[in-house]
Amino acid sequence: QVQLVESGGGLVQAGGSLRLSCAASGRTFSRYAMGWFRQGPGKEREFVAAISRSGGNTYYADSVKGRFTISRDNAKNTVYLQMNSLKPEDTAVYYCAAEWKYSDSYATKKDEYSYWGRGTQVTVSS
């Protein structure tokens, strides 16, 4: 089992940047694929980015491709989401998710993830 705690959210102007962090408990972090999802006001939770156990494979939603970068540091049990060129439509609660994987693959659907953090609010003003 793994527990996830997100941090790094806040209020930023359009065009600005933020880096989210997700700290995981446990000694087997490197066996988990990780993902970032977000849920805007009145919207369903949607996929943002995913990364495989090693960090060698990543995948992004079209809406963030070229602006967001997911990475991980297995020595620190942490996954990051660097968000650049932020837009008002990026405003949402951002959630970190984890799923045990036997291969170096990732997951892009929320139903594929077993563990979730509580989220961190990101607000982008215009």
Foldseek 3Di string as FASTA:
>chain_A
DKAKAKDWADEEAAQAKIKMKIAIDDLPLLQKKKFKWWDDVPGDIFGAKIAFSVRPDIDGDPVQPPFWDWGDDSVRRMIMIIGGRDDQVVWTWMKMFIDGDPDRDIDGDPVRTDYIYPTDTHGYHD
